[in-house]
Amino acid sequence: ANRYLENYERALSGFDAAASKDPSLNAKEEAGKIVDLLNKLEDSILEK
């Protein structure tokens, strides 16, 4: 899990791979949540 915290592109690729193997995992939705969280984090950093 820790390596995913450091490499977001790889984490998102992992979600895509999971989605192709098992669509019921809602991997696209989970990847979207990661992107949304990263956008919020970026906005927070830029506001300071």
PDB file of N, CA and C in Angstrom:
ATOM      1  N   ALA A   1       0.820  -1.199   0.000  1.00  0.00           N
ATOM      2  CA  ALA A   1       0.000   0.000   0.000  1.00  0.00           C
ATOM      3  C   ALA A   1       0.860   1.258   0.000  1.00  0.00           C
ATOM      4  N   ASN A   2       1.960   1.241   0.711  1.00  0.00           N
ATOM      5  CA  ASN A   2       2.794   2.437   0.795  1.00  0.00           C
ATOM      6  C   ASN A   2       3.340   2.861  -0.556  1.00  0.00           C
ATOM      7  N   ARG A   3       3.702   1.920  -1.383  1.00  0.00           N
ATOM      8  CA  ARG A   3       4.251   2.314  -2.678  1.00  0.00           C
ATOM      9  C   ARG A   3       3.214   3.037  -3.519  1.00  0.00           C
ATOM     10  N   TYR A   4       1.920   2.734  -3.318  1.00  0.00           N
ATOM     11  CA  TYR A   4       0.886   3.445  -4.059  1.00  0.00           C
ATOM     12  C   TYR A   4       0.766   4.889  -3.595  1.00  0.00           C
ATOM     13  N   LEU A   5       1.122   5.150  -2.357  1.00  0.00           N
ATOM     14  CA  LEU A   5       1.077   6.516  -1.871  1.00  0.00           C
ATOM     15  C   LEU A   5       2.128   7.381  -2.554  1.00  0.00           C
ATOM     16  N   GLU A   6       3.172   6.769  -3.037  1.00  0.00           N
ATOM     17  CA  GLU A   6       4.266   7.508  -3.646  1.00  0.00           C
ATOM     18  C   GLU A   6       4.190   7.532  -5.170  1.00  0.00           C
ATOM     19  N   ASN A   7       3.452   6.623  -5.768  1.00  0.00           N
ATOM     20  CA  ASN A   7       3.409   6.542  -7.221  1.00  0.00           C
ATOM     21  C   ASN A   7       1.950   6.461  -7.671  1.00  0.00           C
ATOM     22  N   TYR A   8       1.335   7.623  -7.822  1.00  0.00           N
ATOM     23  CA  TYR A   8      -0.082   7.671  -8.146  1.00  0.00           C
ATOM     24  C   TYR A   8      -0.377   7.134  -9.539  1.00  0.00           C
ATOM     25  N   GLU A   9       0.527   7.379 -10.464  1.00  0.00           N
ATOM     26  CA  GLU A   9       0.304   6.878 -11.826  1.00  0.00           C
ATOM     27  C   GLU A   9       0.251   5.357 -11.828  1.00  0.00           C
ATOM     28  N   ARG A  10       1.136   4.726 -11.093  1.00  0.00           N
ATOM     29  CA  ARG A  10       1.134   3.268 -11.006  1.00  0.00           C
ATOM     30  C   ARG A  10      -0.133   2.769 -10.300  1.00  0.00           C
ATOM     31  N   ALA A  11      -0.554   3.494  -9.277  1.00  0.00           N
ATOM     32  CA  ALA A  11      -1.775   3.105  -8.572  1.00  0.00           C
ATOM     33  C   ALA A  11      -2.976   3.148  -9.511  1.00  0.00           C
ATOM     34  N   LEU A  12      -3.071   4.208 -10.301  1.00  0.00           N
ATOM     35  CA  LEU A  12      -4.191   4.319 -11.238  1.00  0.00           C
ATOM     36  C   LEU A  12      -4.120   3.243 -12.306  1.00  0.00           C
ATOM     37  N   SER A  13      -2.918   2.909 -12.742  1.00  0.00           N
ATOM     38  CA  SER A  13      -2.758   1.812 -13.707  1.00  0.00           C
ATOM     39  C   SER A  13      -3.215   0.500 -13.091  1.00  0.00           C
ATOM     40  N   GLY A  14      -2.932   0.330 -11.807  1.00  0.00           N
ATOM     41  CA  GLY A  14      -3.377  -0.872 -11.104  1.00  0.00           C
ATOM     42  C   GLY A  14      -4.892  -0.963 -11.051  1.00  0.00           C
ATOM     43  N   PHE A  15      -5.551   0.166 -10.831  1.00  0.00           N
ATOM     44  CA  PHE A  15      -7.012   0.169 -10.836  1.00  0.00           C
ATOM     45  C   PHE A  15      -7.541  -0.188 -12.220  1.00  0.00           C
ATOM     46  N   ASP A  16      -6.915   0.328 -13.265  1.00  0.00           N
ATOM     47  CA  ASP A  16      -7.333  -0.009 -14.633  1.00  0.00           C
ATOM     48  C   ASP A  16      -7.160  -1.498 -14.910  1.00  0.00           C
ATOM     49  N   ALA A  17      -6.047  -2.060 -14.459  1.00  0.00           N
ATOM     50  CA  ALA A  17      -5.807  -3.493 -14.657  1.00  0.00           C
ATOM     51  C   ALA A  17      -6.852  -4.312 -13.909  1.00  0.00           C
ATOM     52  N   ALA A  18      -7.180  -3.888 -12.700  1.00  0.00           N
ATOM     53  CA  ALA A  18      -8.197  -4.596 -11.917  1.00  0.00           C
ATOM     54  C   ALA A  18      -9.554  -4.520 -12.601  1.00  0.00           C
ATOM     55  N   ALA A  19      -9.880  -3.360 -13.148  1.00  0.00           N
ATOM     56  CA  ALA A  19     -11.169  -3.189 -13.822  1.00  0.00           C
ATOM     57  C   ALA A  19     -11.280  -4.095 -15.037  1.00  0.00           C
ATOM     58  N   SER A  20     -10.178  -4.288 -15.740  1.00  0.00           N
ATOM     59  CA  SER A  20     -10.237  -5.144 -16.923  1.00  0.00           C
ATOM     60  C   SER A  20     -10.420  -6.611 -16.543  1.00  0.00           C
ATOM     61  N   LYS A  21      -9.959  -6.988 -15.357  1.00  0.00           N
ATOM     62  CA  LYS A  21     -10.096  -8.377 -14.909  1.00  0.00           C
ATOM     63  C   LYS A  21     -11.419  -8.634 -14.207  1.00  0.00           C
ATOM     64  N   ASP A  22     -11.913  -7.631 -13.484  1.00  0.00           N
ATOM     65  CA  ASP A  22     -13.155  -7.804 -12.731  1.00  0.00           C
ATOM     66  C   ASP A  22     -13.915  -6.479 -12.687  1.00  0.00           C
ATOM     67  N   PRO A  23     -14.802  -6.254 -13.656  1.00  0.00           N
ATOM     68  CA  PRO A  23     -15.543  -4.989 -13.719  1.00  0.00           C
ATOM     69  C   PRO A  23     -16.394  -4.699 -12.481  1.00  0.00           C
ATOM     70  N   SER A  24     -16.736  -5.706 -11.706  1.00  0.00           N
ATOM     71  CA  SER A  24     -17.574  -5.484 -10.525  1.00  0.00           C
ATOM     72  C   SER A  24     -16.832  -4.768  -9.402  1.00  0.00           C
ATOM     73  N   LEU A  25     -15.528  -4.589  -9.529  1.00  0.00           N
ATOM     74  CA  LEU A  25     -14.748  -3.924  -8.487  1.00  0.00           C
ATOM     75  C   LEU A  25     -14.932  -2.407  -8.474  1.00  0.00           C
ATOM     76  N   ASN A  26     -15.586  -1.859  -9.477  1.00  0.00           N
ATOM     77  CA  ASN A  26     -15.779  -0.410  -9.584  1.00  0.00           C
ATOM     78  C   ASN A  26     -14.452   0.340  -9.535  1.00  0.00           C
ATOM     79  N   ALA A  27     -13.454  -0.213 -10.181  1.00  0.00           N
ATOM     80  CA  ALA A  27     -12.114   0.371 -10.145  1.00  0.00           C
ATOM     81  C   ALA A  27     -12.092   1.764 -10.771  1.00  0.00           C
ATOM     82  N   LYS A  28     -12.872   1.989 -11.792  1.00  0.00           N
ATOM     83  CA  LYS A  28     -12.904   3.319 -12.420  1.00  0.00           C
ATOM     84  C   LYS A  28     -13.397   4.361 -11.420  1.00  0.00           C
ATOM     85  N   GLU A  29     -14.415   4.006 -10.650  1.00  0.00           N
ATOM     86  CA  GLU A  29     -14.940   4.923  -9.636  1.00  0.00           C
ATOM     87  C   GLU A  29     -13.891   5.193  -8.558  1.00  0.00           C
ATOM     88  N   GLU A  30     -13.201   4.155  -8.123  1.00  0.00           N
ATOM     89  CA  GLU A  30     -12.165   4.321  -7.103  1.00  0.00           C
ATOM     90  C   GLU A  30     -11.008   5.165  -7.631  1.00  0.00           C
ATOM     91  N   ALA A  31     -10.636   4.970  -8.878  1.00  0.00           N
ATOM     92  CA  ALA A  31      -9.577   5.783  -9.482  1.00  0.00           C
ATOM     93  C   ALA A  31     -10.016   7.243  -9.545  1.00  0.00           C
ATOM     94  N   GLY A  32     -11.276   7.461  -9.851  1.00  0.00           N
ATOM     95  CA  GLY A  32     -11.812   8.824  -9.868  1.00  0.00           C
ATOM     96  C   GLY A  32     -11.731   9.482  -8.503  1.00  0.00           C
ATOM     97  N   LYS A  33     -11.957   8.706  -7.455  1.00  0.00           N
ATOM     98  CA  LYS A  33     -11.846   9.241  -6.092  1.00  0.00           C
ATOM     99  C   LYS A  33     -10.413   9.656  -5.784  1.00  0.00           C
ATOM    100  N   ILE A  34      -9.458   8.873  -6.252  1.00  0.00           N
ATOM    101  CA  ILE A  34      -8.048   9.220  -6.037  1.00  0.00           C
ATOM    102  C   ILE A  34      -7.721  10.526  -6.753  1.00  0.00           C
ATOM    103  N   VAL A  35      -8.165  10.650  -7.987  1.00  0.00           N
ATOM    104  CA  VAL A  35      -7.901  11.867  -8.756  1.00  0.00           C
ATOM    105  C   VAL A  35      -8.542  13.071  -8.074  1.00  0.00           C
ATOM    106  N   ASP A  36      -9.771  12.924  -7.603  1.00  0.00           N
ATOM    107  CA  ASP A  36     -10.447  14.019  -6.905  1.00  0.00           C
ATOM    108  C   ASP A  36      -9.681  14.424  -5.645  1.00  0.00           C
ATOM    109  N   LEU A  37      -9.230  13.440  -4.892  1.00  0.00           N
ATOM    110  CA  LEU A  37      -8.473  13.717  -3.674  1.00  0.00           C
ATOM    111  C   LEU A  37      -7.169  14.442  -3.994  1.00  0.00           C
ATOM    112  N   LEU A  38      -6.479  13.996  -5.028  1.00  0.00           N
ATOM    113  CA  LEU A  38      -5.230  14.653  -5.415  1.00  0.00           C
ATOM    114  C   LEU A  38      -5.473  16.085  -5.883  1.00  0.00           C
ATOM    115  N   ASN A  39      -6.571  16.305  -6.574  1.00  0.00           N
ATOM    116  CA  ASN A  39      -6.907  17.668  -6.998  1.00  0.00           C
ATOM    117  C   ASN A  39      -7.168  18.568  -5.798  1.00  0.00           C
ATOM    118  N   LYS A  40      -7.871  18.051  -4.794  1.00  0.00           N
ATOM    119  CA  LYS A  40      -8.124  18.826  -3.576  1.00  0.00           C
ATOM    120  C   LYS A  40      -6.821  19.126  -2.847  1.00  0.00           C
ATOM    121  N   LEU A  41      -5.942  18.147  -2.789  1.00  0.00           N
ATOM    122  CA  LEU A  41      -4.649  18.340  -2.142  1.00  0.00           C
ATOM    123  C   LEU A  41      -3.846  19.412  -2.873  1.00  0.00           C
ATOM    124  N   GLU A  42      -3.828  19.334  -4.184  1.00  0.00           N
ATOM    125  CA  GLU A  42      -3.104  20.329  -4.974  1.00  0.00           C
ATOM    126  C   GLU A  42      -3.674  21.724  -4.746  1.00  0.00           C
ATOM    127  N   ASP A  43      -4.995  21.844  -4.753  1.00  0.00           N
ATOM    128  CA  ASP A  43      -5.631  23.138  -4.512  1.00  0.00           C
ATOM    129  C   ASP A  43      -5.261  23.682  -3.140  1.00  0.00           C
ATOM    130  N   SER A  44      -5.241  22.815  -2.148  1.00  0.00           N
ATOM    131  CA  SER A  44      -4.886  23.217  -0.788  1.00  0.00           C
ATOM    132  C   SER A  44      -3.454  23.736  -0.720  1.00  0.00           C
ATOM    133  N   ILE A  45      -2.562  23.065  -1.407  1.00  0.00           N
ATOM    134  CA  ILE A  45      -1.156  23.478  -1.403  1.00  0.00           C
ATOM    135  C   ILE A  45      -0.987  24.811  -2.129  1.00  0.00           C
ATOM    136  N   LEU A  46      -1.675  24.978  -3.237  1.00  0.00           N
ATOM    137  CA  LEU A  46      -1.533  26.199  -4.032  1.00  0.00           C
ATOM    138  C   LEU A  46      -2.122  27.423  -3.341  1.00  0.00           C
ATOM    139  N   GLU A  47      -3.078  27.219  -2.433  1.00  0.00           N
ATOM    140  CA  GLU A  47      -3.709  28.331  -1.726  1.00  0.00           C
ATOM    141  C   GLU A  47      -2.804  28.919  -0.653  1.00  0.00           C
ATOM    142  N   LYS A  48      -1.791  28.207  -0.238  1.00  0.00           N
ATOM    143  CA  LYS A  48      -0.922  28.685   0.849  1.00  0.00           C
ATOM    144  C   LYS A  48       0.109  29.638   0.369  1.00  0.00           C
TER     145      LYS A  48
END
